[in-house]
PDB file of N, CA and C in Angstrom:
ATOM      1  N   VAL A   1       0.852  -1.175   0.000  1.00  0.00           N
ATOM      2  CA  VAL A   1       0.000   0.000   0.000  1.00  0.00           C
ATOM      3  C   VAL A   1       0.890   1.228   0.000  1.00  0.00           C
ATOM      4  N   ASP A   2       0.545   2.200  -0.816  1.00  0.00           N
ATOM      5  CA  ASP A   2       1.289   3.452  -0.913  1.00  0.00           C
ATOM      6  C   ASP A   2       0.770   4.440   0.130  1.00  0.00           C
ATOM      7  N   PHE A   3       1.648   4.854   1.023  1.00  0.00           N
ATOM      8  CA  PHE A   3       1.284   5.797   2.070  1.00  0.00           C
ATOM      9  C   PHE A   3       1.794   7.194   1.780  1.00  0.00           C
ATOM     10  N   SER A   4       2.261   7.442   0.552  1.00  0.00           N
ATOM     11  CA  SER A   4       2.903   8.720   0.230  1.00  0.00           C
ATOM     12  C   SER A   4       1.959   9.917   0.355  1.00  0.00           C
ATOM     13  N   GLU A   5       0.651   9.690   0.260  1.00  0.00           N
ATOM     14  CA  GLU A   5      -0.296  10.803   0.381  1.00  0.00           C
ATOM     15  C   GLU A   5      -0.561  11.186   1.831  1.00  0.00           C
ATOM     16  N   LEU A   6      -0.148  10.335   2.759  1.00  0.00           N
ATOM     17  CA  LEU A   6      -0.343  10.638   4.171  1.00  0.00           C
ATOM     18  C   LEU A   6       0.838  11.466   4.670  1.00  0.00           C
ATOM     19  N   ASN A   7       0.520  12.524   5.368  1.00  0.00           N
ATOM     20  CA  ASN A   7       1.546  13.395   5.918  1.00  0.00           C
ATOM     21  C   ASN A   7       1.414  13.441   7.431  1.00  0.00           C
ATOM     22  N   GLU A   8       2.493  13.831   8.083  1.00  0.00           N
ATOM     23  CA  GLU A   8       2.445  14.010   9.521  1.00  0.00           C
ATOM     24  C   GLU A   8       1.396  15.065   9.839  1.00  0.00           C
ATOM     25  N   ASP A   9       0.546  14.766  10.812  1.00  0.00           N
ATOM     26  CA  ASP A   9      -0.536  15.671  11.195  1.00  0.00           C
ATOM     27  C   ASP A   9      -0.255  16.192  12.607  1.00  0.00           C
ATOM     28  N   VAL A  10       0.444  17.316  12.666  1.00  0.00           N
ATOM     29  CA  VAL A  10       0.856  17.896  13.942  1.00  0.00           C
ATOM     30  C   VAL A  10      -0.359  18.327  14.760  1.00  0.00           C
ATOM     31  N   THR A  11      -1.375  18.864  14.104  1.00  0.00           N
ATOM     32  CA  THR A  11      -2.579  19.306  14.809  1.00  0.00           C
ATOM     33  C   THR A  11      -3.271  18.124  15.476  1.00  0.00           C
ATOM     34  N   LEU A  12      -3.437  17.043  14.735  1.00  0.00           N
ATOM     35  CA  LEU A  12      -4.070  15.851  15.303  1.00  0.00           C
ATOM     36  C   LEU A  12      -3.228  15.288  16.447  1.00  0.00           C
ATOM     37  N   LYS A  13      -1.926  15.247  16.270  1.00  0.00           N
ATOM     38  CA  LYS A  13      -1.032  14.760  17.330  1.00  0.00           C
ATOM     39  C   LYS A  13      -1.206  15.593  18.598  1.00  0.00           C
ATOM     40  N   THR A  14      -1.286  16.900  18.454  1.00  0.00           N
ATOM     41  CA  THR A  14      -1.466  17.786  19.599  1.00  0.00           C
ATOM     42  C   THR A  14      -2.801  17.528  20.278  1.00  0.00           C
ATOM     43  N   LEU A  15      -3.863  17.399  19.490  1.00  0.00           N
ATOM     44  CA  LEU A  15      -5.191  17.137  20.050  1.00  0.00           C
ATOM     45  C   LEU A  15      -5.243  15.790  20.761  1.00  0.00           C
ATOM     46  N   LEU A  16      -4.660  14.767  20.160  1.00  0.00           N
ATOM     47  CA  LEU A  16      -4.641  13.448  20.799  1.00  0.00           C
ATOM     48  C   LEU A  16      -3.866  13.496  22.113  1.00  0.00           C
ATOM     49  N   GLY A  17      -2.800  14.265  22.135  1.00  0.00           N
ATOM     50  CA  GLY A  17      -2.003  14.398  23.346  1.00  0.00           C
ATOM     51  C   GLY A  17      -2.749  15.055  24.490  1.00  0.00           C
ATOM     52  N   LYS A  18      -3.767  15.831  24.177  1.00  0.00           N
ATOM     53  CA  LYS A  18      -4.561  16.509  25.203  1.00  0.00           C
ATOM     54  C   LYS A  18      -5.641  15.617  25.813  1.00  0.00           C
ATOM     55  N   ILE A  19      -5.930  14.500  25.167  1.00  0.00           N
ATOM     56  CA  ILE A  19      -6.957  13.587  25.675  1.00  0.00           C
ATOM     57  C   ILE A  19      -6.373  12.799  26.839  1.00  0.00           C
ATOM     58  N   LYS A  20      -7.034  12.898  27.968  1.00  0.00           N
ATOM     59  CA  LYS A  20      -6.601  12.163  29.165  1.00  0.00           C
ATOM     60  C   LYS A  20      -7.019  10.704  29.042  1.00  0.00           C
ATOM     61  N   GLY A  21      -6.245   9.827  29.613  1.00  0.00           N
ATOM     62  CA  GLY A  21      -6.583   8.411  29.611  1.00  0.00           C
ATOM     63  C   GLY A  21      -5.930   7.659  28.462  1.00  0.00           C
ATOM     64  N   LYS A  22      -6.219   6.369  28.429  1.00  0.00           N
ATOM     65  CA  LYS A  22      -5.642   5.491  27.413  1.00  0.00           C
ATOM     66  C   LYS A  22      -6.366   5.671  26.088  1.00  0.00           C
ATOM     67  N   LYS A  23      -5.593   5.611  25.015  1.00  0.00           N
ATOM     68  CA  LYS A  23      -6.156   5.681  23.670  1.00  0.00           C
ATOM     69  C   LYS A  23      -5.771   4.407  22.922  1.00  0.00           C
ATOM     70  N   SER A  24      -6.764   3.784  22.316  1.00  0.00           N
ATOM     71  CA  SER A  24      -6.556   2.532  21.594  1.00  0.00           C
ATOM     72  C   SER A  24      -7.204   2.626  20.229  1.00  0.00           C
ATOM     73  N   ILE A  25      -6.754   1.786  19.339  1.00  0.00           N
ATOM     74  CA  ILE A  25      -7.318   1.683  17.988  1.00  0.00           C
ATOM     75  C   ILE A  25      -7.997   0.327  17.863  1.00  0.00           C
ATOM     76  N   TYR A  26      -9.207   0.317  17.295  1.00  0.00           N
ATOM     77  CA  TYR A  26      -9.861  -0.930  16.911  1.00  0.00           C
ATOM     78  C   TYR A  26     -10.043  -0.853  15.405  1.00  0.00           C
ATOM     79  N   THR A  27      -9.380  -1.738  14.691  1.00  0.00           N
ATOM     80  CA  THR A  27      -9.424  -1.702  13.235  1.00  0.00           C
ATOM     81  C   THR A  27      -9.779  -3.064  12.656  1.00  0.00           C
ATOM     82  N   ASN A  28     -10.494  -3.036  11.550  1.00  0.00           N
ATOM     83  CA  ASN A  28     -10.766  -4.260  10.797  1.00  0.00           C
ATOM     84  C   ASN A  28      -9.578  -4.629   9.912  1.00  0.00           C
ATOM     85  N   ALA A  29      -8.528  -3.831   9.947  1.00  0.00           N
ATOM     86  CA  ALA A  29      -7.301  -4.112   9.207  1.00  0.00           C
ATOM     87  C   ALA A  29      -6.330  -4.860  10.127  1.00  0.00           C
ATOM     88  N   THR A  30      -5.126  -5.084   9.623  1.00  0.00           N
ATOM     89  CA  THR A  30      -4.102  -5.738  10.431  1.00  0.00           C
ATOM     90  C   THR A  30      -3.339  -4.703  11.255  1.00  0.00           C
ATOM     91  N   PHE A  31      -2.663  -5.191  12.276  1.00  0.00           N
ATOM     92  CA  PHE A  31      -1.812  -4.333  13.104  1.00  0.00           C
ATOM     93  C   PHE A  31      -0.792  -3.615  12.225  1.00  0.00           C
ATOM     94  N   LYS A  32      -0.153  -4.357  11.331  1.00  0.00           N
ATOM     95  CA  LYS A  32       0.894  -3.781  10.472  1.00  0.00           C
ATOM     96  C   LYS A  32       0.351  -2.630   9.634  1.00  0.00           C
ATOM     97  N   HIS A  33      -0.815  -2.816   9.057  1.00  0.00           N
ATOM     98  CA  HIS A  33      -1.409  -1.766   8.229  1.00  0.00           C
ATOM     99  C   HIS A  33      -1.727  -0.531   9.077  1.00  0.00           C
ATOM    100  N   ALA A  34      -2.349  -0.740  10.229  1.00  0.00           N
ATOM    101  CA  ALA A  34      -2.680   0.382  11.110  1.00  0.00           C
ATOM    102  C   ALA A  34      -1.415   1.099  11.561  1.00  0.00           C
ATOM    103  N   LYS A  35      -0.394   0.338  11.926  1.00  0.00           N
ATOM    104  CA  LYS A  35       0.875   0.928  12.362  1.00  0.00           C
ATOM    105  C   LYS A  35       1.483   1.791  11.259  1.00  0.00           C
ATOM    106  N   ASN A  36       1.474   1.296  10.040  1.00  0.00           N
ATOM    107  CA  ASN A  36       2.027   2.064   8.915  1.00  0.00           C
ATOM    108  C   ASN A  36       1.290   3.384   8.724  1.00  0.00           C
ATOM    109  N   ILE A  37      -0.030   3.359   8.822  1.00  0.00           N
ATOM    110  CA  ILE A  37      -0.821   4.583   8.663  1.00  0.00           C
ATOM    111  C   ILE A  37      -0.533   5.549   9.800  1.00  0.00           C
ATOM    112  N   LEU A  38      -0.575   5.043  11.027  1.00  0.00           N
ATOM    113  CA  LEU A  38      -0.352   5.898  12.188  1.00  0.00           C
ATOM    114  C   LEU A  38       1.055   6.491  12.183  1.00  0.00           C
ATOM    115  N   LYS A  39       2.050   5.714  11.790  1.00  0.00           N
ATOM    116  CA  LYS A  39       3.421   6.232  11.709  1.00  0.00           C
ATOM    117  C   LYS A  39       3.525   7.298  10.628  1.00  0.00           C
ATOM    118  N   SER A  40       2.878   7.082   9.486  1.00  0.00           N
ATOM    119  CA  SER A  40       2.896   8.067   8.403  1.00  0.00           C
ATOM    120  C   SER A  40       2.295   9.395   8.847  1.00  0.00           C
ATOM    121  N   MET A  41       1.322   9.319   9.738  1.00  0.00           N
ATOM    122  CA  MET A  41       0.655  10.523  10.240  1.00  0.00           C
ATOM    123  C   MET A  41       1.357  11.103  11.476  1.00  0.00           C
ATOM    124  N   GLY A  42       2.363  10.385  11.980  1.00  0.00           N
ATOM    125  CA  GLY A  42       3.111  10.855  13.134  1.00  0.00           C
ATOM    126  C   GLY A  42       2.380  10.703  14.454  1.00  0.00           C
ATOM    127  N   ILE A  43       1.432   9.769  14.518  1.00  0.00           N
ATOM    128  CA  ILE A  43       0.621   9.625  15.735  1.00  0.00           C
ATOM    129  C   ILE A  43       0.650   8.215  16.324  1.00  0.00           C
ATOM    130  N   PHE A  44       1.510   7.368  15.837  1.00  0.00           N
ATOM    131  CA  PHE A  44       1.570   5.989  16.324  1.00  0.00           C
ATOM    132  C   PHE A  44       1.780   5.938  17.836  1.00  0.00           C
ATOM    133  N   GLN A  45       2.668   6.762  18.335  1.00  0.00           N
ATOM    134  CA  GLN A  45       3.013   6.750  19.757  1.00  0.00           C
ATOM    135  C   GLN A  45       1.894   7.271  20.651  1.00  0.00           C
ATOM    136  N   GLU A  46       0.842   7.831  20.086  1.00  0.00           N
ATOM    137  CA  GLU A  46      -0.280   8.341  20.886  1.00  0.00           C
ATOM    138  C   GLU A  46      -1.217   7.229  21.363  1.00  0.00           C
ATOM    139  N   PHE A  47      -1.052   6.028  20.816  1.00  0.00           N
ATOM    140  CA  PHE A  47      -1.956   4.929  21.121  1.00  0.00           C
ATOM    141  C   PHE A  47      -1.221   3.808  21.851  1.00  0.00           C
ATOM    142  N   GLU A  48      -1.880   3.264  22.858  1.00  0.00           N
ATOM    143  CA  GLU A  48      -1.270   2.195  23.654  1.00  0.00           C
ATOM    144  C   GLU A  48      -1.496   0.816  23.052  1.00  0.00           C
ATOM    145  N   ILE A  49      -2.664   0.612  22.473  1.00  0.00           N
ATOM    146  CA  ILE A  49      -3.016  -0.707  21.943  1.00  0.00           C
ATOM    147  C   ILE A  49      -3.665  -0.544  20.568  1.00  0.00           C
ATOM    148  N   ILE A  50      -3.306  -1.449  19.672  1.00  0.00           N
ATOM    149  CA  ILE A  50      -4.034  -1.580  18.403  1.00  0.00           C
ATOM    150  C   ILE A  50      -4.691  -2.945  18.436  1.00  0.00           C
ATOM    151  N   PHE A  51      -6.014  -2.941  18.469  1.00  0.00           N
ATOM    152  CA  PHE A  51      -6.804  -4.163  18.431  1.00  0.00           C
ATOM    153  C   PHE A  51      -7.168  -4.375  16.964  1.00  0.00           C
ATOM    154  N   ASP A  52      -6.621  -5.426  16.356  1.00  0.00           N
ATOM    155  CA  ASP A  52      -6.810  -5.610  14.915  1.00  0.00           C
ATOM    156  C   ASP A  52      -7.696  -6.812  14.600  1.00  0.00           C
ATOM    157  N   ILE A  53      -7.856  -7.061  13.321  1.00  0.00           N
ATOM    158  CA  ILE A  53      -8.736  -8.130  12.851  1.00  0.00           C
ATOM    159  C   ILE A  53      -8.295  -9.504  13.373  1.00  0.00           C
ATOM    160  N   LYS A  54      -7.004  -9.683  13.569  1.00  0.00           N
ATOM    161  CA  LYS A  54      -6.510 -10.949  14.136  1.00  0.00           C
ATOM    162  C   LYS A  54      -6.938 -11.085  15.593  1.00  0.00           C
ATOM    163  N   ASP A  55      -6.827  -9.990  16.350  1.00  0.00           N
ATOM    164  CA  ASP A  55      -7.268 -10.007  17.749  1.00  0.00           C
ATOM    165  C   ASP A  55      -8.750 -10.329  17.855  1.00  0.00           C
ATOM    166  N   ALA A  56      -9.515  -9.933  16.845  1.00  0.00           N
ATOM    167  CA  ALA A  56     -10.959 -10.152  16.818  1.00  0.00           C
ATOM    168  C   ALA A  56     -11.326 -11.519  16.238  1.00  0.00           C
ATOM    169  N   ASN A  57     -10.324 -12.386  16.111  1.00  0.00           N
ATOM    170  CA  ASN A  57     -10.549 -13.717  15.522  1.00  0.00           C
ATOM    171  C   ASN A  57     -11.212 -13.614  14.150  1.00  0.00           C
ATOM    172  N   TYR A  58     -10.815 -12.590  13.409  1.00  0.00           N
ATOM    173  CA  TYR A  58     -11.307 -12.340  12.050  1.00  0.00           C
ATOM    174  C   TYR A  58     -12.817 -12.096  11.994  1.00  0.00           C
ATOM    175  N   LEU A  59     -13.375 -11.642  13.109  1.00  0.00           N
ATOM    176  CA  LEU A  59     -14.774 -11.202  13.148  1.00  0.00           C
ATOM    177  C   LEU A  59     -14.743  -9.679  13.038  1.00  0.00           C
ATOM    178  N   ALA A  60     -15.127  -9.170  11.908  1.00  0.00           N
ATOM    179  CA  ALA A  60     -15.021  -7.730  11.658  1.00  0.00           C
ATOM    180  C   ALA A  60     -16.130  -6.944  12.350  1.00  0.00           C
ATOM    181  N   LYS A  61     -15.838  -5.674  12.617  1.00  0.00           N
ATOM    182  CA  LYS A  61     -16.898  -4.765  13.069  1.00  0.00           C
ATOM    183  C   LYS A  61     -17.993  -4.808  12.018  1.00  0.00           C
ATOM    184  N   PRO A  62     -19.238  -4.827  12.358  1.00  0.00           N
ATOM    185  CA  PRO A  62     -19.848  -4.592  13.657  1.00  0.00           C
ATOM    186  C   PRO A  62     -20.245  -5.852  14.420  1.00  0.00           C
ATOM    187  N   ASP A  63     -19.625  -6.987  14.164  1.00  0.00           N
ATOM    188  CA  ASP A  63     -19.989  -8.216  14.864  1.00  0.00           C
ATOM    189  C   ASP A  63     -19.850  -8.020  16.381  1.00  0.00           C
ATOM    190  N   PRO A  64     -20.933  -8.193  17.141  1.00  0.00           N
ATOM    191  CA  PRO A  64     -20.883  -7.983  18.600  1.00  0.00           C
ATOM    192  C   PRO A  64     -19.834  -8.842  19.310  1.00  0.00           C
ATOM    193  N   LYS A  65     -19.553 -10.030  18.773  1.00  0.00           N
ATOM    194  CA  LYS A  65     -18.544 -10.896  19.398  1.00  0.00           C
ATOM    195  C   LYS A  65     -17.164 -10.245  19.344  1.00  0.00           C
ATOM    196  N   SER A  66     -16.887  -9.527  18.271  1.00  0.00           N
ATOM    197  CA  SER A  66     -15.582  -8.875  18.158  1.00  0.00           C
ATOM    198  C   SER A  66     -15.443  -7.757  19.192  1.00  0.00           C
ATOM    199  N   TYR A  67     -16.539  -7.103  19.518  1.00  0.00           N
ATOM    200  CA  TYR A  67     -16.501  -6.043  20.531  1.00  0.00           C
ATOM    201  C   TYR A  67     -16.262  -6.632  21.915  1.00  0.00           C
ATOM    202  N   GLN A  68     -16.791  -7.826  22.162  1.00  0.00           N
ATOM    203  CA  GLN A  68     -16.528  -8.502  23.434  1.00  0.00           C
ATOM    204  C   GLN A  68     -15.040  -8.830  23.559  1.00  0.00           C
ATOM    205  N   LEU A  69     -14.442  -9.274  22.466  1.00  0.00           N
ATOM    206  CA  LEU A  69     -13.001  -9.564  22.471  1.00  0.00           C
ATOM    207  C   LEU A  69     -12.191  -8.284  22.691  1.00  0.00           C
ATOM    208  N   MET A  70     -12.628  -7.195  22.072  1.00  0.00           N
ATOM    209  CA  MET A  70     -11.972  -5.897  22.273  1.00  0.00           C
ATOM    210  C   MET A  70     -12.065  -5.505  23.739  1.00  0.00           C
ATOM    211  N   LYS A  71     -13.256  -5.658  24.310  1.00  0.00           N
ATOM    212  CA  LYS A  71     -13.491  -5.308  25.718  1.00  0.00           C
ATOM    213  C   LYS A  71     -12.522  -6.063  26.623  1.00  0.00           C
ATOM    214  N   GLU A  72     -12.334  -7.342  26.353  1.00  0.00           N
ATOM    215  CA  GLU A  72     -11.420  -8.158  27.150  1.00  0.00           C
ATOM    216  C   GLU A  72      -9.974  -7.704  26.985  1.00  0.00           C
ATOM    217  N   LYS A  73      -9.537  -7.492  25.752  1.00  0.00           N
ATOM    218  CA  LYS A  73      -8.141  -7.104  25.510  1.00  0.00           C
ATOM    219  C   LYS A  73      -7.833  -5.741  26.119  1.00  0.00           C
ATOM    220  N   LEU A  74      -8.795  -4.844  26.099  1.00  0.00           N
ATOM    221  CA  LEU A  74      -8.574  -3.508  26.641  1.00  0.00           C
ATOM    222  C   LEU A  74      -8.849  -3.437  28.144  1.00  0.00           C
ATOM    223  N   SER A  75      -9.171  -4.581  28.734  1.00  0.00           N
ATOM    224  CA  SER A  75      -9.465  -4.668  30.175  1.00  0.00           C
ATOM    225  C   SER A  75     -10.575  -3.714  30.589  1.00  0.00           C
ATOM    226  N   LEU A  76     -11.617  -3.671  29.765  1.00  0.00           N
ATOM    227  CA  LEU A  76     -12.781  -2.848  30.086  1.00  0.00           C
ATOM    228  C   LEU A  76     -13.767  -3.700  30.866  1.00  0.00           C
ATOM    229  N   ASN A  77     -14.275  -3.152  31.958  1.00  0.00           N
ATOM    230  CA  ASN A  77     -15.279  -3.862  32.743  1.00  0.00           C
ATOM    231  C   ASN A  77     -16.504  -2.969  32.888  1.00  0.00           C
ATOM    232  N   ASP A  78     -17.515  -3.464  33.567  1.00  0.00           N
ATOM    233  CA  ASP A  78     -18.759  -2.707  33.697  1.00  0.00           C
ATOM    234  C   ASP A  78     -18.543  -1.370  34.397  1.00  0.00           C
ATOM    235  N   LYS A  79     -17.528  -1.301  35.235  1.00  0.00           N
ATOM    236  CA  LYS A  79     -17.256  -0.074  35.987  1.00  0.00           C
ATOM    237  C   LYS A  79     -16.595   1.008  35.121  1.00  0.00           C
ATOM    238  N   ASN A  80     -15.642   0.605  34.278  1.00  0.00           N
ATOM    239  CA  ASN A  80     -14.907   1.618  33.509  1.00  0.00           C
ATOM    240  C   ASN A  80     -15.360   1.779  32.065  1.00  0.00           C
ATOM    241  N   ILE A  81     -16.177   0.879  31.563  1.00  0.00           N
ATOM    242  CA  ILE A  81     -16.580   0.984  30.156  1.00  0.00           C
ATOM    243  C   ILE A  81     -17.457   2.215  29.912  1.00  0.00           C
ATOM    244  N   SER A  82     -18.199   2.628  30.927  1.00  0.00           N
ATOM    245  CA  SER A  82     -19.055   3.808  30.769  1.00  0.00           C
ATOM    246  C   SER A  82     -18.237   5.095  30.660  1.00  0.00           C
ATOM    247  N   LYS A  83     -16.954   5.024  30.973  1.00  0.00           N
ATOM    248  CA  LYS A  83     -16.058   6.173  30.834  1.00  0.00           C
ATOM    249  C   LYS A  83     -15.323   6.152  29.498  1.00  0.00           C
ATOM    250  N   SER A  84     -15.638   5.165  28.664  1.00  0.00           N
ATOM    251  CA  SER A  84     -14.974   5.000  27.371  1.00  0.00           C
ATOM    252  C   SER A  84     -15.781   5.644  26.256  1.00  0.00           C
ATOM    253  N   ILE A  85     -15.067   6.164  25.279  1.00  0.00           N
ATOM    254  CA  ILE A  85     -15.704   6.765  24.101  1.00  0.00           C
ATOM    255  C   ILE A  85     -15.194   6.040  22.867  1.00  0.00           C
ATOM    256  N   PHE A  86     -16.110   5.591  22.029  1.00  0.00           N
ATOM    257  CA  PHE A  86     -15.783   4.870  20.807  1.00  0.00           C
ATOM    258  C   PHE A  86     -16.010   5.808  19.626  1.00  0.00           C
ATOM    259  N   PHE A  87     -14.934   6.229  18.975  1.00  0.00           N
ATOM    260  CA  PHE A  87     -15.007   7.087  17.788  1.00  0.00           C
ATOM    261  C   PHE A  87     -14.992   6.189  16.564  1.00  0.00           C
ATOM    262  N   GLU A  88     -15.876   6.468  15.602  1.00  0.00           N
ATOM    263  CA  GLU A  88     -16.010   5.595  14.439  1.00  0.00           C
ATOM    264  C   GLU A  88     -16.465   6.410  13.241  1.00  0.00           C
ATOM    265  N   ASP A  89     -15.987   6.031  12.051  1.00  0.00           N
ATOM    266  CA  ASP A  89     -16.387   6.742  10.840  1.00  0.00           C
ATOM    267  C   ASP A  89     -17.499   6.035  10.062  1.00  0.00           C
ATOM    268  N   THR A  90     -17.993   4.920  10.590  1.00  0.00           N
ATOM    269  CA  THR A  90     -19.084   4.183   9.961  1.00  0.00           C
ATOM    270  C   THR A  90     -20.184   3.967  10.995  1.00  0.00           C
ATOM    271  N   ALA A  91     -21.355   4.530  10.740  1.00  0.00           N
ATOM    272  CA  ALA A  91     -22.447   4.530  11.723  1.00  0.00           C
ATOM    273  C   ALA A  91     -22.828   3.135  12.207  1.00  0.00           C
ATOM    274  N   LYS A  92     -22.889   2.154  11.309  1.00  0.00           N
ATOM    275  CA  LYS A  92     -23.331   0.819  11.716  1.00  0.00           C
ATOM    276  C   LYS A  92     -22.389   0.162  12.727  1.00  0.00           C
ATOM    277  N   ASN A  93     -21.159   0.653  12.828  1.00  0.00           N
ATOM    278  CA  ASN A  93     -20.195   0.086  13.768  1.00  0.00           C
ATOM    279  C   ASN A  93     -20.335   0.647  15.180  1.00  0.00           C
ATOM    280  N   LEU A  94     -21.225   1.595  15.379  1.00  0.00           N
ATOM    281  CA  LEU A  94     -21.401   2.213  16.692  1.00  0.00           C
ATOM    282  C   LEU A  94     -22.363   1.444  17.594  1.00  0.00           C
ATOM    283  N   LYS A  95     -23.290   0.723  17.010  1.00  0.00           N
ATOM    284  CA  LYS A  95     -24.336   0.059  17.789  1.00  0.00           C
ATOM    285  C   LYS A  95     -23.766  -0.902  18.838  1.00  0.00           C
ATOM    286  N   SER A  96     -22.872  -1.777  18.426  1.00  0.00           N
ATOM    287  CA  SER A  96     -22.323  -2.758  19.365  1.00  0.00           C
ATOM    288  C   SER A  96     -21.526  -2.096  20.482  1.00  0.00           C
ATOM    289  N   ALA A  97     -20.815  -1.024  20.175  1.00  0.00           N
ATOM    290  CA  ALA A  97     -20.077  -0.284  21.206  1.00  0.00           C
ATOM    291  C   ALA A  97     -21.052   0.348  22.196  1.00  0.00           C
ATOM    292  N   SER A  98     -22.113   0.909  21.670  1.00  0.00           N
ATOM    293  CA  SER A  98     -23.130   1.520  22.522  1.00  0.00           C
ATOM    294  C   SER A  98     -23.799   0.481  23.413  1.00  0.00           C
ATOM    295  N   GLU A  99     -24.063  -0.684  22.863  1.00  0.00           N
ATOM    296  CA  GLU A  99     -24.699  -1.757  23.634  1.00  0.00           C
ATOM    297  C   GLU A  99     -23.801  -2.260  24.765  1.00  0.00           C
ATOM    298  N   LEU A 100     -22.484  -2.083  24.617  1.00  0.00           N
ATOM    299  CA  LEU A 100     -21.550  -2.447  25.692  1.00  0.00           C
ATOM    300  C   LEU A 100     -21.541  -1.408  26.804  1.00  0.00           C
ATOM    301  N   GLY A 101     -22.102  -0.226  26.519  1.00  0.00           N
ATOM    302  CA  GLY A 101     -22.130   0.829  27.522  1.00  0.00           C
ATOM    303  C   GLY A 101     -21.177   1.968  27.241  1.00  0.00           C
ATOM    304  N   MET A 102     -20.545   1.957  26.070  1.00  0.00           N
ATOM    305  CA  MET A 102     -19.614   3.022  25.702  1.00  0.00           C
ATOM    306  C   MET A 102     -20.382   4.204  25.114  1.00  0.00           C
ATOM    307  N   SER A 103     -19.858   5.398  25.314  1.00  0.00           N
ATOM    308  CA  SER A 103     -20.365   6.539  24.567  1.00  0.00           C
ATOM    309  C   SER A 103     -19.817   6.403  23.163  1.00  0.00           C
ATOM    310  N   THR A 104     -20.538   6.926  22.182  1.00  0.00           N
ATOM    311  CA  THR A 104     -20.081   6.790  20.796  1.00  0.00           C
ATOM    312  C   THR A 104     -20.095   8.129  20.088  1.00  0.00           C
ATOM    313  N   VAL A 105     -19.176   8.279  19.136  1.00  0.00           N
ATOM    314  CA  VAL A 105     -19.089   9.495  18.327  1.00  0.00           C
ATOM    315  C   VAL A 105     -18.868   9.066  16.882  1.00  0.00           C
ATOM    316  N   LEU A 106     -19.726   9.576  15.995  1.00  0.00           N
ATOM    317  CA  LEU A 106     -19.594   9.290  14.567  1.00  0.00           C
ATOM    318  C   LEU A 106     -18.725  10.363  13.932  1.00  0.00           C
TER     319      LEU A 106
END
């Protein structure tokens, strides 16, 4: 994949740095692909965990089972999941996150 069109995004890096708490990525892609994109944008180090399609046992979003696996890997429980926000660019992928008790942003 050609990443030449992606540039370092200093503004996004600054904004991500201002967010308190852990930041993780949940992607239907592979870890390697997500890492390449995040590094190209200069924001790889802003995230603690990348939960990828392999971690989800190849169950892609919006499969509710994949969200349960994400919840386990990120050590989210009933007490702290309500403090989590799930950002997503595809509306249909928000339902399962919301059903887990997460706030969602499209």
